[in-house]
Amino acid sequence: MSATAAADRARGRVGAVGPADPPELGPVPEVGPDGVPVAADAFLTHLAVEKGRSELTLRAYRQDLRRYAGFLARRGLDVDDVTEA
């Protein structure tokens, strides 16, 4: 770990990346036109068709899934890399 990363970690900035620590990026997940991963689109369709969820609920889920996909992408991961804890 570089001195910069160690200092950031000591300050509580665990996810901070400095010039000495370039991010390692993995494969970019396939996303649809709305920025939601294609894998999540099937889930959203299920919620709409099978569960009858409202448009506002679907919009909230879509936004959450888009943010989660971005969180994973910044760490070089995609949804297929996630496992149950």
N, C-alpha and C. Protein backbone atom coordinates (compact mmCIF):
# COMPACT_ATOMS: atom_id res chain seq x y z
N MET A 1 0.86 -1.17 0.00
CA MET A 1 0.00 0.00 0.00
C MET A 1 0.90 1.23 0.00
N SER A 2 0.55 2.20 -0.82
CA SER A 2 1.36 3.41 -0.88
C SER A 2 1.14 4.27 0.36
N ALA A 3 2.04 5.22 0.55
CA ALA A 3 1.92 6.13 1.69
C ALA A 3 0.64 6.95 1.59
N THR A 4 0.27 7.35 0.37
CA THR A 4 -0.96 8.12 0.17
C THR A 4 -2.18 7.30 0.57
N ALA A 5 -2.22 6.05 0.13
CA ALA A 5 -3.36 5.19 0.46
C ALA A 5 -3.42 4.94 1.97
N ALA A 6 -2.26 4.75 2.60
CA ALA A 6 -2.23 4.53 4.04
C ALA A 6 -2.72 5.76 4.79
N ALA A 7 -2.33 6.95 4.33
CA ALA A 7 -2.78 8.19 4.96
C ALA A 7 -4.28 8.36 4.79
N ASP A 8 -4.79 8.08 3.58
CA ASP A 8 -6.23 8.17 3.34
C ASP A 8 -6.98 7.19 4.23
N ARG A 9 -6.47 5.98 4.35
CA ARG A 9 -7.12 4.97 5.19
C ARG A 9 -7.14 5.43 6.65
N ALA A 10 -6.05 6.03 7.11
CA ALA A 10 -5.97 6.53 8.48
C ALA A 10 -6.98 7.64 8.73
N ARG A 11 -7.29 8.41 7.69
CA ARG A 11 -8.27 9.50 7.81
C ARG A 11 -9.70 9.00 7.64
N GLY A 12 -9.86 7.70 7.44
CA GLY A 12 -11.20 7.16 7.27
C GLY A 12 -11.68 7.19 5.83
N ARG A 13 -10.81 7.52 4.91
CA ARG A 13 -11.17 7.57 3.50
C ARG A 13 -10.71 6.28 2.83
N VAL A 14 -11.34 5.18 3.22
CA VAL A 14 -10.91 3.86 2.79
C VAL A 14 -10.96 3.71 1.28
N GLY A 15 -11.97 4.26 0.64
CA GLY A 15 -12.11 4.10 -0.80
C GLY A 15 -11.34 5.10 -1.62
N ALA A 16 -10.57 5.96 -0.99
CA ALA A 16 -9.86 7.00 -1.72
C ALA A 16 -8.76 6.39 -2.57
N VAL A 17 -8.63 6.90 -3.78
CA VAL A 17 -7.59 6.44 -4.69
C VAL A 17 -6.78 7.65 -5.11
N GLY A 18 -5.50 7.57 -4.92
CA GLY A 18 -4.61 8.67 -5.31
C GLY A 18 -3.84 8.32 -6.56
N PRO A 19 -3.00 9.25 -7.03
CA PRO A 19 -2.23 9.02 -8.24
C PRO A 19 -1.34 7.78 -8.15
N ALA A 20 -0.86 7.45 -6.96
CA ALA A 20 0.01 6.29 -6.80
C ALA A 20 -0.78 4.98 -6.83
N ASP A 21 -2.09 5.07 -6.76
CA ASP A 21 -2.94 3.88 -6.72
C ASP A 21 -3.98 3.92 -7.84
N PRO A 22 -3.59 3.69 -9.08
CA PRO A 22 -4.59 3.74 -10.15
C PRO A 22 -5.61 2.62 -9.96
N PRO A 23 -6.88 2.90 -10.25
CA PRO A 23 -7.90 1.87 -10.07
C PRO A 23 -7.71 0.74 -11.07
N GLU A 24 -7.99 -0.47 -10.63
CA GLU A 24 -7.98 -1.62 -11.52
C GLU A 24 -9.41 -1.85 -11.97
N LEU A 25 -9.67 -1.63 -13.24
CA LEU A 25 -11.03 -1.73 -13.74
C LEU A 25 -11.25 -3.08 -14.41
N GLY A 26 -12.35 -3.71 -14.08
CA GLY A 26 -12.71 -4.97 -14.69
C GLY A 26 -13.56 -4.73 -15.92
N PRO A 27 -14.21 -5.76 -16.41
CA PRO A 27 -15.06 -5.60 -17.58
C PRO A 27 -16.25 -4.70 -17.28
N VAL A 28 -16.65 -3.94 -18.26
CA VAL A 28 -17.78 -3.04 -18.12
C VAL A 28 -19.06 -3.84 -18.34
N PRO A 29 -20.01 -3.77 -17.39
CA PRO A 29 -21.24 -4.54 -17.57
C PRO A 29 -22.06 -3.98 -18.73
N GLU A 30 -22.79 -4.88 -19.40
CA GLU A 30 -23.66 -4.45 -20.49
C GLU A 30 -24.83 -3.69 -19.89
N VAL A 31 -25.05 -2.47 -20.38
CA VAL A 31 -26.14 -1.65 -19.85
C VAL A 31 -27.12 -1.31 -20.96
N GLY A 32 -28.35 -1.10 -20.56
CA GLY A 32 -29.39 -0.71 -21.49
C GLY A 32 -29.35 0.79 -21.72
N PRO A 33 -30.27 1.31 -22.53
CA PRO A 33 -30.29 2.74 -22.84
C PRO A 33 -30.53 3.64 -21.63
N ASP A 34 -31.13 3.09 -20.57
CA ASP A 34 -31.38 3.90 -19.37
C ASP A 34 -30.24 3.82 -18.36
N GLY A 35 -29.15 3.13 -18.72
CA GLY A 35 -28.00 3.04 -17.82
C GLY A 35 -28.10 1.93 -16.80
N VAL A 36 -29.18 1.17 -16.84
CA VAL A 36 -29.36 0.05 -15.91
C VAL A 36 -28.78 -1.20 -16.55
N PRO A 37 -28.02 -1.99 -15.80
CA PRO A 37 -27.48 -3.24 -16.37
C PRO A 37 -28.59 -4.11 -16.94
N VAL A 38 -28.29 -4.77 -18.04
CA VAL A 38 -29.28 -5.62 -18.71
C VAL A 38 -29.82 -6.67 -17.74
N ALA A 39 -28.96 -7.20 -16.87
CA ALA A 39 -29.41 -8.20 -15.90
C ALA A 39 -30.50 -7.63 -14.99
N ALA A 40 -30.44 -6.35 -14.67
CA ALA A 40 -31.43 -5.73 -13.80
C ALA A 40 -32.74 -5.47 -14.53
N ASP A 41 -32.68 -5.30 -15.85
CA ASP A 41 -33.91 -5.06 -16.61
C ASP A 41 -34.89 -6.22 -16.47
N ALA A 42 -34.38 -7.44 -16.44
CA ALA A 42 -35.26 -8.60 -16.28
C ALA A 42 -35.96 -8.55 -14.92
N PHE A 43 -35.24 -8.14 -13.90
CA PHE A 43 -35.82 -8.01 -12.56
C PHE A 43 -36.90 -6.93 -12.56
N LEU A 44 -36.62 -5.79 -13.19
CA LEU A 44 -37.60 -4.71 -13.25
C LEU A 44 -38.85 -5.13 -14.03
N THR A 45 -38.65 -5.88 -15.10
CA THR A 45 -39.79 -6.39 -15.87
C THR A 45 -40.62 -7.34 -15.02
N HIS A 46 -39.95 -8.19 -14.26
CA HIS A 46 -40.65 -9.10 -13.35
C HIS A 46 -41.49 -8.32 -12.34
N LEU A 47 -40.92 -7.27 -11.78
CA LEU A 47 -41.66 -6.46 -10.81
C LEU A 47 -42.89 -5.82 -11.44
N ALA A 48 -42.75 -5.36 -12.68
CA ALA A 48 -43.87 -4.70 -13.35
C ALA A 48 -44.95 -5.70 -13.76
N VAL A 49 -44.54 -6.79 -14.42
CA VAL A 49 -45.50 -7.72 -15.01
C VAL A 49 -46.05 -8.71 -13.98
N GLU A 50 -45.17 -9.36 -13.27
CA GLU A 50 -45.60 -10.43 -12.35
C GLU A 50 -46.11 -9.90 -11.01
N LYS A 51 -45.50 -8.83 -10.53
CA LYS A 51 -45.85 -8.31 -9.21
C LYS A 51 -46.76 -7.09 -9.27
N GLY A 52 -46.90 -6.48 -10.45
CA GLY A 52 -47.80 -5.34 -10.60
C GLY A 52 -47.35 -4.09 -9.86
N ARG A 53 -46.06 -3.90 -9.72
CA ARG A 53 -45.55 -2.73 -8.99
C ARG A 53 -45.81 -1.44 -9.78
N SER A 54 -45.98 -0.34 -9.06
CA SER A 54 -46.30 0.94 -9.69
C SER A 54 -45.09 1.53 -10.40
N GLU A 55 -45.37 2.48 -11.28
CA GLU A 55 -44.29 3.15 -12.02
C GLU A 55 -43.33 3.86 -11.07
N LEU A 56 -43.85 4.45 -10.01
CA LEU A 56 -42.96 5.12 -9.04
C LEU A 56 -42.04 4.12 -8.34
N THR A 57 -42.56 2.96 -8.01
CA THR A 57 -41.74 1.92 -7.39
C THR A 57 -40.66 1.46 -8.36
N LEU A 58 -41.05 1.23 -9.61
CA LEU A 58 -40.08 0.80 -10.62
C LEU A 58 -39.01 1.86 -10.85
N ARG A 59 -39.41 3.13 -10.86
CA ARG A 59 -38.45 4.22 -11.03
C ARG A 59 -37.45 4.24 -9.88
N ALA A 60 -37.93 4.04 -8.66
CA ALA A 60 -37.04 4.03 -7.49
C ALA A 60 -36.07 2.86 -7.56
N TYR A 61 -36.58 1.67 -7.90
CA TYR A 61 -35.71 0.51 -8.03
C TYR A 61 -34.67 0.74 -9.13
N ARG A 62 -35.11 1.28 -10.27
CA ARG A 62 -34.20 1.53 -11.39
C ARG A 62 -33.07 2.46 -10.96
N GLN A 63 -33.42 3.52 -10.24
CA GLN A 63 -32.40 4.47 -9.78
C GLN A 63 -31.44 3.78 -8.81
N ASP A 64 -31.96 2.99 -7.88
CA ASP A 64 -31.10 2.27 -6.93
C ASP A 64 -30.18 1.29 -7.64
N LEU A 65 -30.72 0.56 -8.62
CA LEU A 65 -29.90 -0.41 -9.35
C LEU A 65 -28.82 0.28 -10.18
N ARG A 66 -29.15 1.44 -10.76
CA ARG A 66 -28.16 2.20 -11.53
C ARG A 66 -27.02 2.65 -10.61
N ARG A 67 -27.38 3.13 -9.42
CA ARG A 67 -26.35 3.57 -8.46
C ARG A 67 -25.50 2.40 -7.99
N TYR A 68 -26.14 1.27 -7.74
CA TYR A 68 -25.41 0.08 -7.29
C TYR A 68 -24.44 -0.40 -8.38
N ALA A 69 -24.91 -0.39 -9.63
CA ALA A 69 -24.04 -0.80 -10.74
C ALA A 69 -22.84 0.14 -10.85
N GLY A 70 -23.06 1.44 -10.64
CA GLY A 70 -21.95 2.39 -10.66
C GLY A 70 -20.98 2.14 -9.53
N PHE A 71 -21.50 1.84 -8.34
CA PHE A 71 -20.68 1.50 -7.18
C PHE A 71 -19.79 0.30 -7.50
N LEU A 72 -20.39 -0.73 -8.08
CA LEU A 72 -19.62 -1.92 -8.43
C LEU A 72 -18.58 -1.62 -9.50
N ALA A 73 -18.98 -0.87 -10.53
CA ALA A 73 -18.07 -0.56 -11.64
C ALA A 73 -16.85 0.20 -11.16
N ARG A 74 -17.03 1.11 -10.21
CA ARG A 74 -15.89 1.87 -9.68
C ARG A 74 -14.91 0.96 -8.95
N ARG A 75 -15.36 -0.22 -8.59
CA ARG A 75 -14.49 -1.18 -7.91
C ARG A 75 -14.05 -2.31 -8.84
N GLY A 76 -14.33 -2.14 -10.13
CA GLY A 76 -13.93 -3.15 -11.11
C GLY A 76 -14.77 -4.41 -11.07
N LEU A 77 -16.00 -4.31 -10.60
CA LEU A 77 -16.89 -5.46 -10.48
C LEU A 77 -18.15 -5.25 -11.28
N ASP A 78 -18.89 -6.32 -11.51
CA ASP A 78 -20.24 -6.18 -12.03
C ASP A 78 -21.16 -7.11 -11.25
N VAL A 79 -22.42 -7.11 -11.59
CA VAL A 79 -23.42 -7.83 -10.81
C VAL A 79 -23.09 -9.33 -10.73
N ASP A 80 -22.52 -9.89 -11.78
CA ASP A 80 -22.20 -11.32 -11.79
C ASP A 80 -21.11 -11.67 -10.77
N ASP A 81 -20.34 -10.69 -10.32
CA ASP A 81 -19.27 -10.94 -9.35
C ASP A 81 -19.78 -10.95 -7.91
N VAL A 82 -20.99 -10.48 -7.69
CA VAL A 82 -21.54 -10.35 -6.34
C VAL A 82 -22.05 -11.71 -5.86
N THR A 83 -21.71 -12.04 -4.61
CA THR A 83 -22.20 -13.27 -4.01
C THR A 83 -22.92 -12.94 -2.71
N GLU A 84 -23.70 -13.87 -2.25
CA GLU A 84 -24.42 -13.70 -0.99
C GLU A 84 -23.42 -13.76 0.16
N ALA A 85 -23.58 -12.86 1.14
CA ALA A 85 -22.65 -12.81 2.27
C ALA A 85 -22.85 -13.96 3.22
